[in-house]
Amino acid sequence: MNFIQSLLPAMEHFHAIGYWAALFIALLETTIGIGLFLPGSSILLFMGALAAKGYFDLGDLIWFAIAGAVIGDNINYFLGKRYGSKIFANGFWVIKPAHFEKGKDFFKRHGPKSVFIGRFIPSVKEVIPLIAGTFGMKRLPFVVWNVLGAIGWSLVWILPGYFFVESLDLAKMWLTRAGFFLTVLASAFAVFYFLKVVLIRKGKEYFFLLSSVWRSVKRAIVENPDARKFAERHGGFFRFIRKRTDKSDFFGLPLTMFVFALLFALFLLGGIVEDVANSDIIVFADVKIANLLASFRDPWLTRFFLWVTVFGKWQAALALSAAASFVLWARKKKSYIIPLLLSVVGGGASVFVGKIIFHRPRPELAVYAEHGFSFPSGHAAMAVAFYGFLAYLLIKNAKKWKRKVNIFFAAFAVAALIGFSRLYLGVHYLSDVWGGYLTGAVWLIIAIAVSEYLLCKKRGNENDGCR
């Protein structure tokens, strides 16, 4: 049975939720900033097709969509009346001043009816109500044209889905299990890419803001008379804290951060080990997720993930580590070689010991037979231990912020794909992969700490002290 058919019967029990969903979709699709990203119109088209199949009442669906569109426009109108001039000058989130200028020209050319016409124009429909509020358009004309526009917009998107319901059959043909899975995967990477772009453009700004806030808070505490008295009474403790937070000394803030990171990773690893050992609820979830992913298998995707998973094999990690060591030796960066091998060999050895201790059987629905036990995943451990340290090396030697961010996200994507390939191919449970990630993270933290110490020691030989 087609996957979408398995979804539809459940939907008929949630009529009220579906109508309210239509309202909020229309509202958010209209709201300034959000409407650029939410495909609300396409979702309403699909809901219209569902109405033709009897899952929704057409009239109710239209009324809820109209209500959402009207509310969203009125929110924008209110914002324009209250904060319009400020928003026009500075922009709002992803809405730049250029968007407002575009909407402003449209408003001037077409007058009040622009509230109606602008409703059908992407990137204009979100800003026209805001401009109407900013320019002081009277409430009654705005509401009239706004309601008419919302009615027209709702009909334009819902009725085609209702009357041309054959398009739903075409959608069913394309929305196979594999197609649905690819859509979800593509959406996840779209969000991932969006976060990367935001971090590249605004990361430094946010970092400086947080640093400034922290300095202000620290200064306020230091200058507080009660805090000073407390510090004087407990001088030994605060001297210890100052040493542990000294940025100029490896044994100060850097080592403190490494210790906290290591303890946190060990704490998480201990939690998953306890769950697996006690056959906790995580084991039940493992089986459910394995069965779900097995139902989404597709020959093309299976071949793709078979190639992806090769990069997580310990043989591949060792070969790439040897190649990286040769490059580091040739480029006179020998101090990185020992930490690199420590990360890879330590992670691999821990996985080997873990498999012997737990003797956890592999999942029954695997694409191919794997030798050895299941917990923890060696591929996931190598993905973090090797590719994580490789990313650390590249970031350490990269000069531009954009390049650093791109390297981090590339390494994260590689590790995520390798771990997910083990789940998709059915050779590991979710807790196996998570345990492997944490095992690799423990050794990655240790390796980076050793690397920083060796670099600090090298600088100390040159500058009379590891500070």
Protein backbone atom coordinates (compact mmCIF):
# COMPACT_ATOMS: atom_id res chain seq x y z
CA MET A 1 0.00 0.00 0.00
CA ASN A 2 1.23 3.46 -0.82
CA PHE A 3 2.61 5.28 2.21
CA ILE A 4 0.27 8.23 1.92
CA GLN A 5 -2.72 5.87 2.04
CA SER A 6 -1.53 4.63 5.41
CA LEU A 7 -1.52 8.22 6.67
CA LEU A 8 -4.94 9.31 5.44
CA PRO A 9 -7.21 7.02 7.51
CA ALA A 10 -5.69 8.38 10.71
CA MET A 11 -6.39 11.94 9.57
CA GLU A 12 -10.16 11.50 9.41
CA HIS A 13 -10.22 11.24 13.20
CA PHE A 14 -8.68 14.70 13.54
CA HIS A 15 -11.06 16.96 11.62
CA ALA A 16 -10.96 19.78 14.17
CA ILE A 17 -7.17 19.68 14.40
CA GLY A 18 -6.96 19.79 10.59
CA TYR A 19 -9.11 22.91 10.39
CA TRP A 20 -7.12 24.67 13.10
CA ALA A 21 -3.95 23.61 11.31
CA ALA A 22 -5.27 25.32 8.16
CA LEU A 23 -5.91 28.47 10.19
CA PHE A 24 -2.41 28.56 11.68
CA ILE A 25 -0.79 27.67 8.34
CA ALA A 26 -2.56 30.60 6.68
CA LEU A 27 -1.68 32.86 9.61
CA LEU A 28 2.01 31.94 9.67
CA GLU A 29 2.29 32.00 5.88
CA THR A 30 1.11 35.60 6.07
CA THR A 31 3.12 36.70 9.10
CA ILE A 32 6.08 38.87 8.22
CA GLY A 33 9.38 36.96 8.14
CA ILE A 34 7.83 33.50 8.50
CA GLY A 35 5.90 33.56 5.23
CA LEU A 36 9.11 33.53 3.20
CA PHE A 37 9.93 30.03 4.47
CA LEU A 38 6.57 28.34 5.10
CA PRO A 39 4.98 26.79 1.96
CA GLY A 40 1.50 27.54 3.30
CA SER A 41 -0.10 27.88 -0.12
CA SER A 42 1.10 24.43 -1.20
CA ILE A 43 -0.14 22.89 2.05
CA LEU A 44 -3.60 24.41 1.52
CA LEU A 45 -3.60 23.03 -2.03
CA PHE A 46 -2.96 19.58 -0.62
CA MET A 47 -5.64 20.01 2.06
CA GLY A 48 -8.11 20.95 -0.67
CA ALA A 49 -7.36 17.64 -2.36
CA LEU A 50 -7.98 15.87 0.95
CA ALA A 51 -11.32 17.68 1.22
CA ALA A 52 -12.29 16.17 -2.14
CA LYS A 53 -11.53 12.74 -0.67
CA GLY A 54 -13.86 13.44 2.26
CA TYR A 55 -11.30 14.02 4.96
CA PHE A 56 -12.33 17.66 5.45
CA ASP A 57 -15.45 19.69 4.82
CA LEU A 58 -14.63 22.10 2.00
CA GLY A 59 -16.60 25.03 3.41
CA ASP A 60 -15.12 24.76 6.89
CA LEU A 61 -11.63 24.40 5.47
CA ILE A 62 -12.03 27.60 3.44
CA TRP A 63 -13.45 29.57 6.38
CA PHE A 64 -10.59 28.56 8.67
CA ALA A 65 -7.99 29.44 6.01
CA ILE A 66 -9.64 32.85 5.47
CA ALA A 67 -9.67 33.50 9.21
CA GLY A 68 -5.97 32.67 9.50
CA ALA A 69 -5.06 34.93 6.58
CA VAL A 70 -7.11 37.82 7.98
CA ILE A 71 -5.58 37.48 11.45
CA GLY A 72 -2.04 37.32 10.02
CA ASP A 73 -2.57 40.47 7.94
CA ASN A 74 -4.04 42.33 10.91
CA ILE A 75 -1.02 41.42 13.02
CA ASN A 76 1.20 42.93 10.34
CA TYR A 77 -1.08 45.98 10.14
CA PHE A 78 -0.84 46.49 13.91
CA LEU A 79 2.96 46.12 13.82
CA GLY A 80 3.12 48.72 11.06
CA LYS A 81 0.97 51.17 13.03
CA ARG A 82 3.05 50.69 16.18
CA TYR A 83 6.61 50.07 14.98
CA GLY A 84 6.51 50.73 11.23
CA SER A 85 9.06 53.54 10.95
CA LYS A 86 11.63 51.64 13.02
CA ILE A 87 11.10 48.39 11.10
CA PHE A 88 11.38 50.21 7.76
CA ALA A 89 14.72 51.68 8.77
CA ASN A 90 16.34 48.55 10.21
CA GLY A 91 14.53 45.65 8.57
CA PHE A 92 12.97 42.72 10.39
CA TRP A 93 14.71 39.32 10.67
CA VAL A 94 15.17 38.18 7.05
CA ILE A 95 12.98 41.00 5.71
CA LYS A 96 15.41 43.67 4.52
CA PRO A 97 14.65 47.37 3.92
CA ALA A 98 14.70 46.57 0.18
CA HIS A 99 11.59 44.40 0.65
CA PHE A 100 9.78 47.33 2.25
CA GLU A 101 10.80 49.65 -0.58
CA LYS A 102 9.40 47.14 -3.07
CA GLY A 103 6.13 46.95 -1.16
CA LYS A 104 6.04 50.72 -0.66
CA ASP A 105 6.29 51.39 -4.43
CA PHE A 106 3.56 48.84 -5.07
CA PHE A 107 1.35 50.46 -2.43
CA LYS A 108 1.82 53.93 -3.92
CA ARG A 109 0.99 52.77 -7.46
CA HIS A 110 -2.12 50.78 -6.60
CA GLY A 111 -3.48 52.49 -3.50
CA PRO A 112 -5.78 50.66 -1.05
CA LYS A 113 -6.51 47.90 -3.56
CA SER A 114 -2.86 46.91 -3.17
CA VAL A 115 -3.96 45.18 0.05
CA PHE A 116 -6.07 42.90 -2.16
CA ILE A 117 -3.65 42.50 -5.08
CA GLY A 118 -0.55 42.20 -2.91
CA ARG A 119 -2.07 39.15 -1.18
CA PHE A 120 -1.31 37.10 -4.33
CA ILE A 121 2.29 38.27 -4.83
CA PRO A 122 5.07 36.39 -2.99
CA SER A 123 7.42 38.53 -0.82
CA VAL A 124 4.95 41.44 -1.18
CA LYS A 125 1.97 39.92 0.65
CA GLU A 126 3.92 39.87 3.93
CA VAL A 127 4.89 43.56 3.86
CA ILE A 128 1.83 45.28 2.30
CA PRO A 129 -0.26 45.14 5.53
CA LEU A 130 2.75 46.45 7.45
CA ILE A 131 3.10 49.34 4.99
CA ALA A 132 -0.64 50.04 5.20
CA GLY A 133 -0.36 50.33 8.97
CA THR A 134 2.76 52.50 8.75
CA PHE A 135 1.16 54.91 6.24
CA GLY A 136 -1.90 55.24 8.48
CA MET A 137 -4.40 53.61 6.13
CA LYS A 138 -7.85 53.76 7.75
CA ARG A 139 -8.92 50.58 9.52
CA LEU A 140 -12.24 50.03 7.68
CA PRO A 141 -10.86 50.16 4.09
CA PHE A 142 -7.98 47.95 5.15
CA VAL A 143 -10.29 45.35 6.71
CA VAL A 144 -12.57 45.31 3.64
CA TRP A 145 -9.77 44.83 1.13
CA ASN A 146 -7.96 42.48 3.49
CA VAL A 147 -10.97 40.18 3.87
CA LEU A 148 -11.61 40.18 0.12
CA GLY A 149 -7.95 39.32 -0.53
CA ALA A 150 -7.98 36.55 2.07
CA ILE A 151 -11.12 35.05 0.51
CA GLY A 152 -9.61 35.16 -2.97
CA TRP A 153 -6.28 33.74 -1.83
CA SER A 154 -7.92 30.86 0.05
CA LEU A 155 -10.15 29.97 -2.91
CA VAL A 156 -7.25 30.17 -5.38
CA TRP A 157 -5.24 27.60 -3.41
CA ILE A 158 -7.89 25.30 -1.92
CA LEU A 159 -10.34 24.91 -4.82
CA PRO A 160 -7.78 23.69 -7.42
CA GLY A 161 -6.80 20.89 -5.05
CA TYR A 162 -10.49 20.08 -4.55
CA PHE A 163 -11.63 20.13 -8.18
CA PHE A 164 -8.51 18.61 -9.69
CA VAL A 165 -8.16 15.83 -7.18
CA GLU A 166 -6.52 13.69 -9.84
CA SER A 167 -3.37 15.55 -8.86
CA LEU A 168 -3.58 13.71 -5.56
CA ASP A 169 -3.20 10.43 -7.44
CA LEU A 170 -0.11 11.87 -9.12
CA ALA A 171 1.21 12.92 -5.72
CA LYS A 172 0.60 9.39 -4.44
CA MET A 173 2.64 8.03 -7.29
CA TRP A 174 5.59 10.24 -6.38
CA LEU A 175 5.17 10.16 -2.61
CA THR A 176 6.35 6.60 -2.28
CA ARG A 177 8.10 5.58 0.90
CA ALA A 178 11.47 6.38 -0.66
CA GLY A 179 10.21 9.72 -1.97
CA PHE A 180 8.79 10.67 1.40
CA PHE A 181 12.03 9.64 3.07
CA LEU A 182 14.08 11.73 0.63
CA THR A 183 11.80 14.70 1.25
CA VAL A 184 12.35 14.46 5.00
CA LEU A 185 16.11 14.03 4.49
CA ALA A 186 16.26 17.01 2.12
CA SER A 187 14.27 19.12 4.59
CA ALA A 188 16.68 18.23 7.40
CA PHE A 189 19.66 19.26 5.30
CA ALA A 190 17.87 22.46 4.25
CA VAL A 191 17.49 23.39 7.93
CA PHE A 192 21.11 22.36 8.46
CA TYR A 193 22.24 24.61 5.59
CA PHE A 194 20.14 27.51 6.88
CA LEU A 195 21.80 27.26 10.31
CA LYS A 196 25.19 27.22 8.63
CA VAL A 197 24.43 30.40 6.66
CA VAL A 198 23.13 32.16 9.78
CA LEU A 199 26.26 31.17 11.71
CA ILE A 200 28.52 32.40 8.91
CA ARG A 201 26.76 35.74 8.65
CA LYS A 202 25.89 36.42 12.28
CA GLY A 203 28.04 33.98 14.30
CA LYS A 204 30.79 36.44 15.17
CA GLU A 205 28.28 39.12 16.01
CA TYR A 206 26.41 36.79 18.40
CA PHE A 207 29.68 35.60 19.92
CA PHE A 208 30.83 39.16 20.60
CA LEU A 209 27.41 39.99 22.04
CA LEU A 210 27.54 37.04 24.45
CA SER A 211 31.14 37.91 25.36
CA SER A 212 30.12 41.50 26.05
CA VAL A 213 27.18 40.40 28.21
CA TRP A 214 29.43 38.01 30.14
CA ARG A 215 32.03 40.74 30.75
CA SER A 216 29.32 43.09 31.98
CA VAL A 217 27.91 40.49 34.36
CA LYS A 218 31.40 39.62 35.60
CA ARG A 219 32.23 43.28 36.18
CA ALA A 220 28.97 43.82 38.06
CA ILE A 221 29.72 40.86 40.34
CA VAL A 222 33.31 41.93 40.98
CA GLU A 223 32.28 45.51 41.81
CA ASN A 224 29.45 44.42 44.09
CA PRO A 225 30.43 45.19 47.75
CA ASP A 226 28.81 42.02 49.11
CA ALA A 227 30.58 39.92 46.49
CA ARG A 228 33.91 41.51 47.46
CA LYS A 229 33.39 40.72 51.12
CA PHE A 230 32.48 37.13 50.26
CA ALA A 231 35.61 36.82 48.08
CA GLU A 232 37.80 38.16 50.89
CA ARG A 233 36.40 35.61 53.34
CA HIS A 234 37.02 32.74 50.88
CA GLY A 235 40.27 33.89 49.30
CA GLY A 236 41.70 30.39 48.75
CA PHE A 237 38.64 29.23 46.83
CA PHE A 238 38.59 32.26 44.55
CA ARG A 239 42.32 32.00 43.87
CA PHE A 240 41.65 28.44 42.74
CA ILE A 241 38.81 29.65 40.48
CA ARG A 242 41.03 32.37 38.98
CA LYS A 243 43.69 29.80 38.15
CA ARG A 244 41.13 27.48 36.60
CA THR A 245 39.79 30.31 34.40
CA ASP A 246 43.11 31.79 33.30
CA LYS A 247 43.01 31.96 29.51
CA SER A 248 46.76 32.43 29.14
CA ASP A 249 47.67 29.12 30.81
CA PHE A 250 46.84 25.70 29.34
CA PHE A 251 46.30 24.41 32.88
CA GLY A 252 43.79 27.20 33.44
CA LEU A 253 40.66 27.75 31.34
CA PRO A 254 41.59 25.40 28.42
CA LEU A 255 42.13 22.38 30.70
CA THR A 256 39.04 23.25 32.74
CA MET A 257 36.90 23.27 29.59
CA PHE A 258 38.41 19.99 28.39
CA VAL A 259 37.70 18.35 31.76
CA PHE A 260 34.09 19.55 31.80
CA ALA A 261 33.56 18.42 28.18
CA LEU A 262 35.08 15.02 28.93
CA LEU A 263 33.00 14.54 32.07
CA PHE A 264 29.84 15.51 30.19
CA ALA A 265 30.59 13.02 27.38
CA LEU A 266 31.37 10.29 29.92
CA PHE A 267 28.14 11.09 31.77
CA LEU A 268 26.10 10.69 28.58
CA LEU A 269 27.99 7.54 27.64
CA GLY A 270 27.37 6.08 31.09
CA GLY A 271 23.66 6.81 30.72
CA ILE A 272 23.32 4.97 27.42
CA VAL A 273 25.45 2.07 28.70
CA GLU A 274 23.14 1.74 31.71
CA ASP A 275 20.04 1.82 29.50
CA VAL A 276 21.38 -0.88 27.19
CA ALA A 277 22.61 -3.04 30.09
CA ASN A 278 19.26 -2.84 31.89
CA SER A 279 17.17 -3.37 28.73
CA ASP A 280 15.50 -0.07 29.47
CA ILE A 281 12.91 1.69 27.33
CA ILE A 282 15.66 2.68 24.89
CA VAL A 283 15.87 -0.94 23.75
CA PHE A 284 12.16 -0.99 22.94
CA ALA A 285 12.57 2.27 21.01
CA ASP A 286 15.56 0.76 19.15
CA VAL A 287 13.44 -2.05 17.75
CA LYS A 288 10.61 0.29 16.74
CA ILE A 289 12.98 2.65 14.91
CA ALA A 290 14.76 -0.25 13.19
CA ASN A 291 11.42 -1.61 11.92
CA LEU A 292 10.33 1.86 10.77
CA LEU A 293 13.54 2.50 8.79
CA ALA A 294 13.34 -0.96 7.25
CA SER A 295 9.96 0.01 5.76
CA PHE A 296 11.59 2.99 4.02
CA ARG A 297 14.32 1.03 2.27
CA ASP A 298 14.78 1.60 -1.41
CA PRO A 299 17.36 0.01 -3.77
CA TRP A 300 18.86 3.36 -4.79
CA LEU A 301 19.10 4.66 -1.23
CA THR A 302 20.52 1.35 -0.05
CA ARG A 303 23.31 1.58 -2.62
CA PHE A 304 23.98 5.17 -1.61
CA PHE A 305 24.29 4.37 2.10
CA LEU A 306 26.41 1.30 1.35
CA TRP A 307 28.97 3.70 -0.14
CA VAL A 308 28.59 6.17 2.74
CA THR A 309 29.14 3.52 5.39
CA VAL A 310 32.50 2.52 3.87
CA PHE A 311 34.00 5.80 5.12
CA GLY A 312 33.29 4.75 8.70
CA LYS A 313 35.09 1.40 8.57
CA TRP A 314 38.07 1.12 10.90
CA GLN A 315 40.22 0.05 7.92
CA ALA A 316 39.29 3.25 6.07
CA ALA A 317 39.90 5.34 9.20
CA LEU A 318 43.34 3.79 9.72
CA ALA A 319 44.30 4.23 6.07
CA LEU A 320 43.15 7.86 6.06
CA SER A 321 44.93 8.42 9.40
CA ALA A 322 48.16 7.10 7.91
CA ALA A 323 47.76 9.40 4.91
CA ALA A 324 46.99 12.37 7.18
CA SER A 325 50.02 11.56 9.34
CA PHE A 326 52.25 11.54 6.26
CA VAL A 327 50.90 14.93 5.19
CA LEU A 328 51.40 16.34 8.70
CA TRP A 329 54.95 15.01 8.78
CA ALA A 330 55.71 16.53 5.37
CA ARG A 331 54.22 19.90 6.40
CA LYS A 332 56.24 19.88 9.65
CA LYS A 333 53.21 19.62 11.92
CA LYS A 334 54.40 16.50 13.72
CA SER A 335 52.83 17.48 17.04
CA TYR A 336 49.39 16.61 15.62
CA ILE A 337 50.28 13.03 14.65
CA ILE A 338 50.26 11.45 18.13
CA PRO A 339 46.89 13.01 19.11
CA LEU A 340 45.38 11.92 15.77
CA LEU A 341 46.46 8.31 16.25
CA LEU A 342 45.38 8.47 19.90
CA SER A 343 41.87 9.51 18.87
CA VAL A 344 41.50 6.80 16.21
CA VAL A 345 43.22 3.93 18.03
CA GLY A 346 41.66 4.82 21.39
CA GLY A 347 38.19 4.99 19.88
CA GLY A 348 38.65 1.70 18.03
CA ALA A 349 40.01 -0.09 21.11
CA SER A 350 37.13 1.15 23.28
CA VAL A 351 34.59 -0.08 20.72
CA PHE A 352 36.30 -3.49 20.61
CA VAL A 353 36.17 -3.81 24.42
CA GLY A 354 32.58 -2.60 24.52
CA LYS A 355 31.42 -5.21 22.01
CA ILE A 356 33.09 -7.97 24.04
CA ILE A 357 31.50 -6.79 27.29
CA PHE A 358 27.93 -6.34 26.03
CA HIS A 359 27.62 -9.12 23.42
CA ARG A 360 24.59 -7.37 21.98
CA PRO A 361 23.16 -9.15 18.89
CA ARG A 362 22.74 -7.27 15.62
CA PRO A 363 19.26 -6.26 14.39
CA GLU A 364 17.37 -8.97 12.53
CA LEU A 365 16.38 -6.77 9.56
CA ALA A 366 19.90 -5.94 8.36
CA VAL A 367 20.59 -5.47 4.65
CA TYR A 368 23.72 -7.59 4.96
CA ALA A 369 25.34 -9.70 7.67
CA GLU A 370 27.92 -7.94 9.86
CA HIS A 371 30.44 -9.86 11.92
CA GLY A 372 30.81 -8.98 15.57
CA PHE A 373 28.41 -7.57 18.11
CA SER A 374 26.27 -4.46 17.89
CA PHE A 375 27.03 -2.09 20.81
CA PRO A 376 28.66 0.36 20.39
CA SER A 377 28.90 1.22 16.69
CA GLY A 378 32.51 1.28 15.49
CA HIS A 379 31.56 3.24 12.39
CA ALA A 380 29.94 6.00 14.48
CA ALA A 381 32.95 6.10 16.80
CA MET A 382 35.36 6.43 13.87
CA ALA A 383 33.15 9.11 12.28
CA VAL A 384 33.65 11.31 15.36
CA ALA A 385 37.17 10.25 16.38
CA PHE A 386 38.80 10.60 12.95
CA TYR A 387 36.68 13.09 11.01
CA GLY A 388 36.22 15.19 14.16
CA PHE A 389 39.97 15.45 14.69
CA LEU A 390 40.49 16.15 10.99
CA ALA A 391 37.98 19.01 11.29
CA TYR A 392 39.84 20.28 14.37
CA LEU A 393 43.10 20.36 12.38
CA LEU A 394 41.55 22.21 9.46
CA ILE A 395 39.68 24.69 11.66
CA LYS A 396 42.81 25.30 13.72
CA ASN A 397 44.74 26.28 10.62
CA ALA A 398 41.94 28.11 8.79
CA LYS A 399 42.11 31.90 8.90
CA LYS A 400 38.64 32.95 7.74
CA TRP A 401 35.54 32.56 9.89
CA LYS A 402 33.46 31.34 6.93
CA ARG A 403 35.93 28.56 6.19
CA LYS A 404 35.95 27.47 9.83
CA VAL A 405 32.15 27.25 9.90
CA ASN A 406 32.02 25.36 6.59
CA ILE A 407 34.60 22.84 7.83
CA PHE A 408 32.66 22.27 11.06
CA PHE A 409 29.36 21.68 9.28
CA ALA A 410 30.98 19.46 6.66
CA ALA A 411 32.48 17.24 9.37
CA PHE A 412 29.16 17.20 11.21
CA ALA A 413 27.34 16.16 8.02
CA VAL A 414 29.84 13.37 7.30
CA ALA A 415 29.54 11.99 10.84
CA ALA A 416 25.73 12.23 10.72
CA LEU A 417 25.53 10.43 7.37
CA ILE A 418 27.86 7.65 8.48
CA GLY A 419 25.88 7.09 11.67
CA PHE A 420 22.57 7.20 9.83
CA SER A 421 23.83 4.77 7.20
CA ARG A 422 24.22 2.17 9.96
CA LEU A 423 20.60 2.68 10.96
CA TYR A 424 19.25 2.69 7.41
CA LEU A 425 21.12 -0.49 6.50
CA GLY A 426 19.80 -2.12 9.65
CA VAL A 427 23.18 -3.23 11.01
CA HIS A 428 22.92 -1.15 14.20
CA TYR A 429 20.31 0.13 16.60
CA LEU A 430 19.95 3.83 17.43
CA SER A 431 21.52 3.34 20.88
CA ASP A 432 24.50 1.61 19.20
CA VAL A 433 25.13 4.65 17.02
CA TRP A 434 24.65 7.08 19.90
CA GLY A 435 27.00 5.02 22.05
CA GLY A 436 29.55 5.00 19.21
CA TYR A 437 29.30 8.78 18.79
CA LEU A 438 29.92 9.30 22.51
CA THR A 439 32.81 6.84 22.56
CA GLY A 440 34.41 8.69 19.66
CA ALA A 441 33.68 12.04 21.35
CA VAL A 442 35.47 10.95 24.55
CA TRP A 443 38.64 10.11 22.63
CA LEU A 444 38.32 13.18 20.41
CA ILE A 445 38.23 15.43 23.49
CA ILE A 446 41.26 13.65 24.95
CA ALA A 447 43.14 13.89 21.65
CA ILE A 448 42.42 17.61 21.22
CA ALA A 449 43.50 18.24 24.83
CA VAL A 450 46.79 16.39 24.22
CA SER A 451 47.28 18.29 20.97
CA GLU A 452 46.74 21.65 22.66
CA TYR A 453 49.12 20.66 25.47
CA LEU A 454 51.84 19.67 22.98
CA LEU A 455 51.39 22.95 21.12
CA CYS A 456 51.48 24.84 24.40
CA LYS A 457 54.63 22.99 25.43
CA LYS A 458 56.21 23.83 22.08
CA ARG A 459 55.36 27.50 22.54
CA GLY A 460 56.68 27.26 26.08
CA ASN A 461 60.08 26.11 24.84
CA GLU A 462 60.15 29.12 22.56
CA ASN A 463 58.66 31.71 24.96
CA ASP A 464 59.86 30.56 28.39
CA GLY A 465 56.61 29.12 29.72
CA CYS A 466 53.43 27.37 28.67
CA ARG A 467 51.30 30.45 29.12
